[in-house]
Amino acid sequence: MSDSAKVRKDMDTTYPEPLSVLRKYALGPEYPQSFFKRQQKKNVRRGSRFRTQPVTFDEIKEVDEDAASPDAVETPGTELASSMSHGDIRAGFLDFAKKRQASRRREAAVVDQKRQEQEMLQQQQQ
């Protein structure tokens, strides 16, 4: 083993990094520049995110008064499902099912009528 190899081996055991400090930076920094840019943008975003305007109690009262005005007329369709009883929900579903079944029958009747018209036209052409 030559002397230079021995010295290099001893240096590697003592200093695990390469001998040249310049070589370290030639390979690139430990953390790329984009990492720092990303961190900086992230910190800027956090500062202005989730900010709300303060609301006074007077403004809240105004909104409550508007909601409680007698002009507002509730329609039965705006009720919450949680406030409806099981029977009301079932009745609504049955109404929906009946309407859907009737519309399917109408669609089927229209399709049958068109099919019969096409058959009559084909018979007349022959």
N, C-alpha and C. Protein backbone atom coordinates (compact mmCIF):
# COMPACT_ATOMS: atom_id res chain seq x y z
N MET A 1 0.85 -1.16 0.00
CA MET A 1 0.00 0.00 0.00
C MET A 1 0.90 1.24 0.00
N SER A 2 0.62 2.18 -0.85
CA SER A 2 1.46 3.38 -0.93
C SER A 2 1.15 4.31 0.23
N ASP A 3 2.05 5.25 0.43
CA ASP A 3 1.90 6.19 1.55
C ASP A 3 0.67 7.08 1.38
N SER A 4 0.41 7.49 0.14
CA SER A 4 -0.74 8.38 -0.08
C SER A 4 -2.06 7.66 0.19
N ALA A 5 -2.12 6.38 -0.16
CA ALA A 5 -3.34 5.62 0.11
C ALA A 5 -3.54 5.43 1.59
N LYS A 6 -2.42 5.21 2.32
CA LYS A 6 -2.51 5.03 3.77
C LYS A 6 -2.98 6.32 4.43
N VAL A 7 -2.42 7.44 3.99
CA VAL A 7 -2.82 8.73 4.56
C VAL A 7 -4.30 8.99 4.26
N ARG A 8 -4.70 8.69 3.06
CA ARG A 8 -6.10 8.92 2.68
C ARG A 8 -7.02 8.04 3.52
N LYS A 9 -6.62 6.79 3.74
CA LYS A 9 -7.44 5.89 4.54
C LYS A 9 -7.54 6.38 5.98
N ASP A 10 -6.42 6.84 6.55
CA ASP A 10 -6.45 7.38 7.90
C ASP A 10 -7.32 8.63 7.98
N MET A 11 -7.24 9.47 6.97
CA MET A 11 -8.04 10.69 6.95
C MET A 11 -9.53 10.35 6.83
N ASP A 12 -9.84 9.33 6.03
CA ASP A 12 -11.24 8.95 5.87
C ASP A 12 -11.82 8.43 7.17
N THR A 13 -11.01 7.74 7.96
CA THR A 13 -11.53 7.24 9.23
C THR A 13 -11.71 8.36 10.23
N THR A 14 -10.84 9.37 10.16
CA THR A 14 -10.95 10.49 11.09
C THR A 14 -11.99 11.49 10.62
N TYR A 15 -11.95 11.81 9.32
CA TYR A 15 -12.87 12.77 8.72
C TYR A 15 -13.67 12.05 7.64
N PRO A 16 -14.90 11.69 7.89
CA PRO A 16 -15.65 10.91 6.90
C PRO A 16 -15.98 11.69 5.64
N GLU A 17 -15.89 13.01 5.65
CA GLU A 17 -16.18 13.80 4.46
C GLU A 17 -14.97 13.78 3.53
N PRO A 18 -15.16 14.12 2.26
CA PRO A 18 -14.02 14.18 1.35
C PRO A 18 -12.99 15.20 1.82
N LEU A 19 -11.75 15.05 1.36
CA LEU A 19 -10.67 15.92 1.81
C LEU A 19 -10.89 17.37 1.41
N SER A 20 -11.38 17.62 0.22
CA SER A 20 -11.51 18.98 -0.27
C SER A 20 -12.85 19.58 0.17
N VAL A 21 -12.75 20.77 0.76
CA VAL A 21 -13.96 21.47 1.16
C VAL A 21 -14.68 21.99 -0.09
N LEU A 22 -13.93 22.36 -1.11
CA LEU A 22 -14.53 22.87 -2.34
C LEU A 22 -15.36 21.80 -3.03
N ARG A 23 -14.91 20.56 -2.94
CA ARG A 23 -15.64 19.47 -3.58
C ARG A 23 -17.04 19.34 -2.99
N LYS A 24 -17.16 19.58 -1.71
CA LYS A 24 -18.46 19.47 -1.04
C LYS A 24 -19.48 20.41 -1.67
N TYR A 25 -19.07 21.66 -1.94
CA TYR A 25 -20.00 22.62 -2.51
C TYR A 25 -20.16 22.45 -4.01
N ALA A 26 -19.21 21.77 -4.63
CA ALA A 26 -19.33 21.51 -6.06
C ALA A 26 -20.48 20.53 -6.33
N LEU A 27 -20.74 19.64 -5.39
CA LEU A 27 -21.83 18.67 -5.54
C LEU A 27 -23.19 19.31 -5.29
N GLY A 28 -23.19 20.47 -4.66
CA GLY A 28 -24.45 21.14 -4.36
C GLY A 28 -24.64 21.23 -2.86
N PRO A 29 -25.39 22.22 -2.40
CA PRO A 29 -25.59 22.36 -0.96
C PRO A 29 -26.41 21.19 -0.41
N GLU A 30 -26.36 21.06 0.88
CA GLU A 30 -27.08 19.95 1.53
C GLU A 30 -28.59 20.07 1.32
N TYR A 31 -29.10 21.31 1.37
CA TYR A 31 -30.51 21.55 1.11
C TYR A 31 -30.61 22.45 -0.12
N PRO A 32 -31.38 22.07 -1.10
CA PRO A 32 -31.47 22.89 -2.32
C PRO A 32 -32.16 24.23 -2.04
N GLN A 33 -31.90 25.18 -2.91
CA GLN A 33 -32.46 26.52 -2.76
C GLN A 33 -33.99 26.50 -2.81
N SER A 34 -34.57 25.58 -3.60
CA SER A 34 -36.03 25.51 -3.70
C SER A 34 -36.67 25.16 -2.37
N PHE A 35 -35.94 24.43 -1.52
CA PHE A 35 -36.47 24.08 -0.21
C PHE A 35 -36.71 25.35 0.61
N PHE A 36 -35.73 26.25 0.59
CA PHE A 36 -35.86 27.48 1.36
C PHE A 36 -36.95 28.37 0.80
N LYS A 37 -37.09 28.42 -0.52
CA LYS A 37 -38.15 29.22 -1.13
C LYS A 37 -39.51 28.69 -0.72
N ARG A 38 -39.64 27.37 -0.72
CA ARG A 38 -40.91 26.75 -0.35
C ARG A 38 -41.25 27.08 1.10
N GLN A 39 -40.25 26.98 1.98
CA GLN A 39 -40.48 27.27 3.39
C GLN A 39 -40.90 28.73 3.57
N GLN A 40 -40.24 29.62 2.83
CA GLN A 40 -40.55 31.03 2.96
C GLN A 40 -41.98 31.31 2.49
N LYS A 41 -42.38 30.74 1.37
CA LYS A 41 -43.74 30.93 0.87
C LYS A 41 -44.76 30.37 1.84
N LYS A 42 -44.43 29.23 2.44
CA LYS A 42 -45.34 28.59 3.39
C LYS A 42 -45.57 29.50 4.60
N ASN A 43 -44.48 30.10 5.09
CA ASN A 43 -44.60 30.99 6.24
C ASN A 43 -45.41 32.23 5.89
N VAL A 44 -45.26 32.75 4.69
CA VAL A 44 -46.02 33.93 4.28
C VAL A 44 -47.50 33.58 4.19
N ARG A 45 -47.82 32.41 3.64
CA ARG A 45 -49.22 32.00 3.51
C ARG A 45 -49.87 31.83 4.87
N ARG A 46 -49.14 31.27 5.81
CA ARG A 46 -49.74 31.01 7.12
C ARG A 46 -50.14 32.30 7.81
N GLY A 47 -49.41 33.37 7.55
CA GLY A 47 -49.69 34.63 8.22
C GLY A 47 -51.04 35.21 7.84
N SER A 48 -51.47 35.02 6.60
CA SER A 48 -52.71 35.65 6.16
C SER A 48 -53.85 34.67 5.99
N ARG A 49 -53.64 33.44 6.31
CA ARG A 49 -54.68 32.43 6.13
C ARG A 49 -55.63 32.39 7.31
N PHE A 50 -56.87 32.05 7.06
CA PHE A 50 -57.89 31.84 8.09
C PHE A 50 -58.12 33.09 8.93
N ARG A 51 -58.03 34.25 8.32
CA ARG A 51 -58.32 35.47 9.05
C ARG A 51 -59.76 35.85 8.79
N THR A 52 -60.47 36.23 9.83
CA THR A 52 -61.86 36.65 9.68
C THR A 52 -62.01 38.07 10.22
N GLN A 53 -63.02 38.74 9.75
CA GLN A 53 -63.29 40.08 10.23
C GLN A 53 -64.06 39.99 11.55
N PRO A 54 -63.77 40.87 12.48
CA PRO A 54 -64.52 40.83 13.74
C PRO A 54 -65.98 41.22 13.52
N VAL A 55 -66.86 40.59 14.27
CA VAL A 55 -68.29 40.84 14.16
C VAL A 55 -68.77 41.35 15.50
N THR A 56 -69.56 42.41 15.47
CA THR A 56 -70.08 42.98 16.72
C THR A 56 -71.41 42.33 17.05
N PHE A 57 -71.81 42.47 18.30
CA PHE A 57 -73.08 41.90 18.74
C PHE A 57 -74.25 42.60 18.06
N ASP A 58 -74.11 43.88 17.74
CA ASP A 58 -75.18 44.61 17.04
C ASP A 58 -75.45 43.99 15.67
N GLU A 59 -74.37 43.63 14.97
CA GLU A 59 -74.54 43.00 13.66
C GLU A 59 -75.23 41.65 13.78
N ILE A 60 -74.90 40.91 14.82
CA ILE A 60 -75.53 39.61 15.04
C ILE A 60 -77.02 39.79 15.31
N LYS A 61 -77.37 40.80 16.12
CA LYS A 61 -78.78 41.06 16.41
C LYS A 61 -79.54 41.43 15.15
N GLU A 62 -78.90 42.22 14.27
CA GLU A 62 -79.56 42.60 13.01
C GLU A 62 -79.88 41.37 12.17
N VAL A 63 -78.95 40.45 12.11
CA VAL A 63 -79.17 39.23 11.33
C VAL A 63 -80.27 38.40 11.96
N ASP A 64 -80.28 38.30 13.29
CA ASP A 64 -81.33 37.55 13.97
C ASP A 64 -82.70 38.18 13.73
N GLU A 65 -82.78 39.49 13.73
CA GLU A 65 -84.05 40.17 13.49
C GLU A 65 -84.53 39.92 12.07
N ASP A 66 -83.62 39.91 11.12
CA ASP A 66 -84.00 39.64 9.73
C ASP A 66 -84.56 38.23 9.59
N ALA A 67 -83.96 37.28 10.27
CA ALA A 67 -84.40 35.89 10.16
C ALA A 67 -85.74 35.68 10.84
N ALA A 68 -86.04 36.46 11.87
CA ALA A 68 -87.29 36.28 12.62
C ALA A 68 -88.41 37.17 12.11
N SER A 69 -88.24 37.81 10.96
CA SER A 69 -89.28 38.71 10.46
C SER A 69 -90.52 37.91 10.08
N PRO A 70 -91.72 38.48 10.29
CA PRO A 70 -92.95 37.76 9.98
C PRO A 70 -93.20 37.63 8.47
N ASP A 71 -92.43 38.37 7.65
CA ASP A 71 -92.61 38.30 6.20
C ASP A 71 -92.21 36.93 5.67
N ALA A 72 -91.25 36.33 6.34
CA ALA A 72 -90.73 35.06 5.84
C ALA A 72 -91.78 33.97 6.01
N VAL A 73 -92.12 33.33 4.91
CA VAL A 73 -93.10 32.25 4.92
C VAL A 73 -92.35 30.95 4.64
N GLU A 74 -92.52 30.02 5.53
CA GLU A 74 -91.84 28.74 5.35
C GLU A 74 -92.63 27.85 4.41
N THR A 75 -91.92 27.19 3.54
CA THR A 75 -92.55 26.22 2.66
C THR A 75 -92.29 24.84 3.23
N PRO A 76 -93.19 23.89 3.00
CA PRO A 76 -92.99 22.57 3.58
C PRO A 76 -91.75 21.87 3.06
N GLY A 77 -91.24 22.26 1.91
CA GLY A 77 -90.06 21.59 1.36
C GLY A 77 -88.77 22.00 2.05
N THR A 78 -88.80 23.09 2.83
CA THR A 78 -87.57 23.57 3.45
C THR A 78 -87.34 22.97 4.83
N GLU A 79 -88.20 22.10 5.29
CA GLU A 79 -88.01 21.48 6.60
C GLU A 79 -86.78 20.59 6.57
N LEU A 80 -86.13 20.51 7.69
CA LEU A 80 -85.00 19.60 7.79
C LEU A 80 -85.50 18.17 7.92
N ALA A 81 -84.77 17.25 7.37
CA ALA A 81 -85.17 15.84 7.44
C ALA A 81 -85.14 15.35 8.88
N SER A 82 -84.27 15.91 9.70
CA SER A 82 -84.18 15.46 11.09
C SER A 82 -85.41 15.87 11.89
N SER A 83 -86.11 16.94 11.46
CA SER A 83 -87.28 17.38 12.20
C SER A 83 -88.55 16.68 11.73
N MET A 84 -88.46 15.92 10.65
CA MET A 84 -89.64 15.22 10.13
C MET A 84 -89.77 13.87 10.83
N SER A 85 -91.00 13.44 11.03
CA SER A 85 -91.20 12.15 11.65
C SER A 85 -90.99 11.04 10.62
N HIS A 86 -90.88 9.84 11.10
CA HIS A 86 -90.65 8.69 10.22
C HIS A 86 -91.82 8.53 9.24
N GLY A 87 -93.03 8.75 9.73
CA GLY A 87 -94.21 8.62 8.87
C GLY A 87 -94.22 9.67 7.76
N ASP A 88 -93.79 10.91 8.09
CA ASP A 88 -93.74 11.97 7.07
C ASP A 88 -92.71 11.63 6.00
N ILE A 89 -91.59 11.12 6.42
CA ILE A 89 -90.54 10.75 5.46
C ILE A 89 -91.04 9.63 4.55
N ARG A 90 -91.70 8.64 5.16
CA ARG A 90 -92.20 7.51 4.37
C ARG A 90 -93.28 7.98 3.39
N ALA A 91 -94.16 8.87 3.84
CA ALA A 91 -95.21 9.38 2.95
C ALA A 91 -94.60 10.15 1.79
N GLY A 92 -93.57 10.94 2.07
CA GLY A 92 -92.88 11.67 1.00
C GLY A 92 -92.23 10.72 0.01
N PHE A 93 -91.64 9.65 0.52
CA PHE A 93 -91.01 8.67 -0.37
C PHE A 93 -92.06 7.96 -1.23
N LEU A 94 -93.21 7.62 -0.63
CA LEU A 94 -94.26 6.95 -1.39
C LEU A 94 -94.81 7.87 -2.49
N ASP A 95 -94.96 9.16 -2.18
CA ASP A 95 -95.40 10.12 -3.21
C ASP A 95 -94.39 10.17 -4.35
N PHE A 96 -93.13 10.21 -3.99
CA PHE A 96 -92.08 10.24 -5.01
C PHE A 96 -92.12 8.97 -5.87
N ALA A 97 -92.29 7.82 -5.21
CA ALA A 97 -92.32 6.55 -5.95
C ALA A 97 -93.51 6.51 -6.91
N LYS A 98 -94.67 7.00 -6.47
CA LYS A 98 -95.85 7.02 -7.35
C LYS A 98 -95.62 7.92 -8.56
N LYS A 99 -95.05 9.10 -8.33
CA LYS A 99 -94.78 10.02 -9.44
C LYS A 99 -93.78 9.42 -10.41
N ARG A 100 -92.78 8.77 -9.89
CA ARG A 100 -91.75 8.16 -10.75
C ARG A 100 -92.35 7.03 -11.58
N GLN A 101 -93.19 6.22 -10.94
CA GLN A 101 -93.83 5.11 -11.65
C GLN A 101 -94.75 5.63 -12.76
N ALA A 102 -95.49 6.70 -12.47
CA ALA A 102 -96.38 7.28 -13.48
C ALA A 102 -95.57 7.84 -14.66
N SER A 103 -94.44 8.47 -14.37
CA SER A 103 -93.63 9.02 -15.47
C SER A 103 -93.03 7.90 -16.30
N ARG A 104 -92.66 6.79 -15.67
CA ARG A 104 -92.14 5.64 -16.42
C ARG A 104 -93.22 5.05 -17.34
N ARG A 105 -94.44 4.99 -16.83
CA ARG A 105 -95.54 4.48 -17.66
C ARG A 105 -95.77 5.37 -18.87
N ARG A 106 -95.73 6.70 -18.64
CA ARG A 106 -95.90 7.63 -19.76
C ARG A 106 -94.78 7.47 -20.78
N GLU A 107 -93.55 7.33 -20.31
CA GLU A 107 -92.41 7.13 -21.21
C GLU A 107 -92.58 5.84 -22.01
N ALA A 108 -93.01 4.78 -21.33
CA ALA A 108 -93.21 3.49 -22.01
C ALA A 108 -94.32 3.61 -23.05
N ALA A 109 -95.38 4.34 -22.73
CA ALA A 109 -96.49 4.51 -23.68
C ALA A 109 -96.02 5.27 -24.92
N VAL A 110 -95.20 6.29 -24.73
CA VAL A 110 -94.69 7.06 -25.86
C VAL A 110 -93.80 6.18 -26.73
N VAL A 111 -92.96 5.37 -26.11
CA VAL A 111 -92.07 4.48 -26.86
C VAL A 111 -92.89 3.46 -27.64
N ASP A 112 -93.92 2.89 -27.00
CA ASP A 112 -94.78 1.92 -27.69
C ASP A 112 -95.50 2.57 -28.88
N GLN A 113 -95.98 3.79 -28.69
CA GLN A 113 -96.69 4.48 -29.76
C GLN A 113 -95.75 4.73 -30.94
N LYS A 114 -94.52 5.15 -30.67
CA LYS A 114 -93.56 5.39 -31.75
C LYS A 114 -93.22 4.09 -32.48
N ARG A 115 -93.08 3.01 -31.71
CA ARG A 115 -92.77 1.71 -32.32
C ARG A 115 -93.91 1.26 -33.24
N GLN A 116 -95.15 1.44 -32.78
CA GLN A 116 -96.30 1.06 -33.60
C GLN A 116 -96.37 1.90 -34.88
N GLU A 117 -96.08 3.19 -34.77
CA GLU A 117 -96.08 4.06 -35.95
C GLU A 117 -95.02 3.61 -36.96
N GLN A 118 -93.83 3.25 -36.46
CA GLN A 118 -92.77 2.78 -37.34
C GLN A 118 -93.16 1.48 -38.04
N GLU A 119 -93.79 0.57 -37.29
CA GLU A 119 -94.24 -0.69 -37.89
C GLU A 119 -95.27 -0.43 -38.98
N MET A 120 -96.20 0.50 -38.74
CA MET A 120 -97.22 0.82 -39.75
C MET A 120 -96.58 1.42 -41.00
N LEU A 121 -95.58 2.28 -40.82
CA LEU A 121 -94.89 2.87 -41.97
C LEU A 121 -94.15 1.81 -42.78
N GLN A 122 -93.53 0.87 -42.09
CA GLN A 122 -92.82 -0.21 -42.78
C GLN A 122 -93.79 -1.09 -43.57
N GLN A 123 -94.98 -1.36 -42.99
CA GLN A 123 -95.97 -2.17 -43.69
C GLN A 123 -96.51 -1.43 -44.91
N GLN A 124 -96.68 -0.13 -44.81
CA GLN A 124 -97.18 0.66 -45.94
C GLN A 124 -96.15 0.73 -47.07
N GLN A 125 -94.87 0.75 -46.72
CA GLN A 125 -93.82 0.83 -47.73
C GLN A 125 -93.67 -0.49 -48.49
N GLN A 126 -94.04 -1.57 -47.87
CA GLN A 126 -93.89 -2.88 -48.52
C GLN A 126 -95.02 -3.17 -49.41
